């Protein structure tokens, strides 16, 4: 899986579909893998339901300087709610 690191500016990130989104959206996106906070990769809360990379730790996504995103088709945000509902 390829992960692209998308830069964050002012709490916003340019999503792969070209839309400007809040990093809060990223924490609920199935493509989000990690947030870069203080130079360290912190796993995304969206992985809470992933059997392979499960995490339950909350991150300070508002302090993120980048988001690790595994989306590669240009579809953009896709909510984890669509999977667990």
C-alpha atoms as a PDB file:
ATOM      1  CA  UNK A   1       0.000   0.000   0.000  1.00  0.00           C
ATOM      2  CA  UNK A   2       1.294   3.410  -0.963  1.00  0.00           C
ATOM      3  CA  UNK A   3       0.828   6.197   1.561  1.00  0.00           C
ATOM      4  CA  UNK A   4       1.137   9.825   0.495  1.00  0.00           C
ATOM      5  CA  UNK A   5       1.939  12.444   3.095  1.00  0.00           C
ATOM      6  CA  UNK A   6      -0.386  15.394   2.586  1.00  0.00           C
ATOM      7  CA  UNK A   7       0.758  18.675   4.195  1.00  0.00           C
ATOM      8  CA  UNK A   8      -1.513  20.412   6.695  1.00  0.00           C
ATOM      9  CA  UNK A   9      -1.809  24.186   6.926  1.00  0.00           C
ATOM     10  CA  UNK A  10      -4.019  25.922   9.458  1.00  0.00           C
ATOM     11  CA  UNK A  11      -5.766  22.680  10.386  1.00  0.00           C
ATOM     12  CA  UNK A  12      -6.720  22.041   6.744  1.00  0.00           C
ATOM     13  CA  UNK A  13      -5.466  19.546   4.189  1.00  0.00           C
ATOM     14  CA  UNK A  14      -6.007  19.394   0.435  1.00  0.00           C
ATOM     15  CA  UNK A  15      -7.720  16.051  -0.039  1.00  0.00           C
ATOM     16  CA  UNK A  16      -6.918  13.810  -3.003  1.00  0.00           C
ATOM     17  CA  UNK A  17     -10.125  14.982  -4.715  1.00  0.00           C
ATOM     18  CA  UNK A  18      -8.807  18.572  -4.560  1.00  0.00           C
ATOM     19  CA  UNK A  19     -11.180  19.743  -1.827  1.00  0.00           C
ATOM     20  CA  UNK A  20      -9.897  21.559   1.249  1.00  0.00           C
ATOM     21  CA  UNK A  21     -10.871  19.576   4.363  1.00  0.00           C
ATOM     22  CA  UNK A  22     -10.369  19.786   8.094  1.00  0.00           C
ATOM     23  CA  UNK A  23      -7.979  17.283   9.679  1.00  0.00           C
ATOM     24  CA  UNK A  24     -10.992  16.253  11.765  1.00  0.00           C
ATOM     25  CA  UNK A  25     -12.438  14.724   8.580  1.00  0.00           C
ATOM     26  CA  UNK A  26      -9.242  12.733   8.118  1.00  0.00           C
ATOM     27  CA  UNK A  27      -9.644  11.024  11.463  1.00  0.00           C
ATOM     28  CA  UNK A  28     -12.925   9.528  10.164  1.00  0.00           C
ATOM     29  CA  UNK A  29     -11.654   8.640   6.679  1.00  0.00           C
ATOM     30  CA  UNK A  30     -10.927   5.031   5.680  1.00  0.00           C
ATOM     31  CA  UNK A  31      -7.844   6.189   3.758  1.00  0.00           C
ATOM     32  CA  UNK A  32      -6.197   7.979   6.691  1.00  0.00           C
ATOM     33  CA  UNK A  33      -3.246   6.035   8.128  1.00  0.00           C
ATOM     34  CA  UNK A  34      -1.422   8.495  10.376  1.00  0.00           C
ATOM     35  CA  UNK A  35      -0.990  12.099  11.475  1.00  0.00           C
ATOM     36  CA  UNK A  36       2.451  13.691  11.786  1.00  0.00           C
ATOM     37  CA  UNK A  37       2.594  15.427  15.174  1.00  0.00           C
ATOM     38  CA  UNK A  38       5.851  16.853  16.516  1.00  0.00           C
ATOM     39  CA  UNK A  39       7.709  14.964  13.778  1.00  0.00           C
ATOM     40  CA  UNK A  40       6.277  11.565  14.779  1.00  0.00           C
ATOM     41  CA  UNK A  41       3.729   9.436  12.959  1.00  0.00           C
ATOM     42  CA  UNK A  42       0.698   8.843  15.181  1.00  0.00           C
ATOM     43  CA  UNK A  43      -1.743   6.228  13.896  1.00  0.00           C
ATOM     44  CA  UNK A  44      -5.094   7.551  12.740  1.00  0.00           C
ATOM     45  CA  UNK A  45      -8.188   6.915  14.873  1.00  0.00           C
ATOM     46  CA  UNK A  46      -9.834   5.626  11.678  1.00  0.00           C
ATOM     47  CA  UNK A  47      -7.824   2.430  12.199  1.00  0.00           C
ATOM     48  CA  UNK A  48      -9.874   1.555  15.302  1.00  0.00           C
ATOM     49  CA  UNK A  49     -11.802  -1.044  13.300  1.00  0.00           C
ATOM     50  CA  UNK A  50      -8.862  -2.339  11.248  1.00  0.00           C
ATOM     51  CA  UNK A  51      -7.925  -5.873  12.247  1.00  0.00           C
ATOM     52  CA  UNK A  52      -4.414  -5.511  10.880  1.00  0.00           C
ATOM     53  CA  UNK A  53      -3.388  -2.096  12.252  1.00  0.00           C
ATOM     54  CA  UNK A  54      -5.891  -1.542  15.062  1.00  0.00           C
ATOM     55  CA  UNK A  55      -5.408   1.466  17.305  1.00  0.00           C
ATOM     56  CA  UNK A  56      -7.588   2.990  19.993  1.00  0.00           C
ATOM     57  CA  UNK A  57      -5.444   5.977  20.907  1.00  0.00           C
ATOM     58  CA  UNK A  58      -6.852   9.444  20.257  1.00  0.00           C
ATOM     59  CA  UNK A  59      -4.476  11.846  18.508  1.00  0.00           C
ATOM     60  CA  UNK A  60      -4.225  15.625  18.645  1.00  0.00           C
ATOM     61  CA  UNK A  61      -5.133  15.972  14.978  1.00  0.00           C
ATOM     62  CA  UNK A  62      -5.404  19.766  15.284  1.00  0.00           C
ATOM     63  CA  UNK A  63      -1.623  19.891  15.861  1.00  0.00           C
ATOM     64  CA  UNK A  64      -0.833  17.752  12.813  1.00  0.00           C
ATOM     65  CA  UNK A  65       1.594  19.051  10.197  1.00  0.00           C
ATOM     66  CA  UNK A  66       0.816  16.259   7.706  1.00  0.00           C
ATOM     67  CA  UNK A  67      -1.594  13.378   7.149  1.00  0.00           C
ATOM     68  CA  UNK A  68      -0.609   9.958   5.808  1.00  0.00           C
ATOM     69  CA  UNK A  69      -3.229   9.095   3.197  1.00  0.00           C
ATOM     70  CA  UNK A  70      -3.563   5.770   1.343  1.00  0.00           C
ATOM     71  CA  UNK A  71      -6.148   7.008  -1.181  1.00  0.00           C
ATOM     72  CA  UNK A  72      -4.759   6.748  -4.702  1.00  0.00           C
ATOM     73  CA  UNK A  73      -7.668   7.042  -7.161  1.00  0.00           C
ATOM     74  CA  UNK A  74      -8.580  10.680  -6.493  1.00  0.00           C
ATOM     75  CA  UNK A  75     -11.915   9.804  -4.892  1.00  0.00           C
ATOM     76  CA  UNK A  76     -11.163  11.742  -1.705  1.00  0.00           C
ATOM     77  CA  UNK A  77     -12.829  11.380   1.688  1.00  0.00           C
ATOM     78  CA  UNK A  78     -14.706   8.158   2.474  1.00  0.00           C
ATOM     79  CA  UNK A  79     -16.201   7.816   5.942  1.00  0.00           C
ATOM     80  CA  UNK A  80     -15.463   4.799   8.142  1.00  0.00           C
ATOM     81  CA  UNK A  81     -19.135   5.091   9.084  1.00  0.00           C
ATOM     82  CA  UNK A  82     -20.025   3.575   5.719  1.00  0.00           C
ATOM     83  CA  UNK A  83     -18.173   0.415   6.698  1.00  0.00           C
ATOM     84  CA  UNK A  84     -19.256  -0.015  10.303  1.00  0.00           C
ATOM     85  CA  UNK A  85     -22.924   0.998   9.885  1.00  0.00           C
END
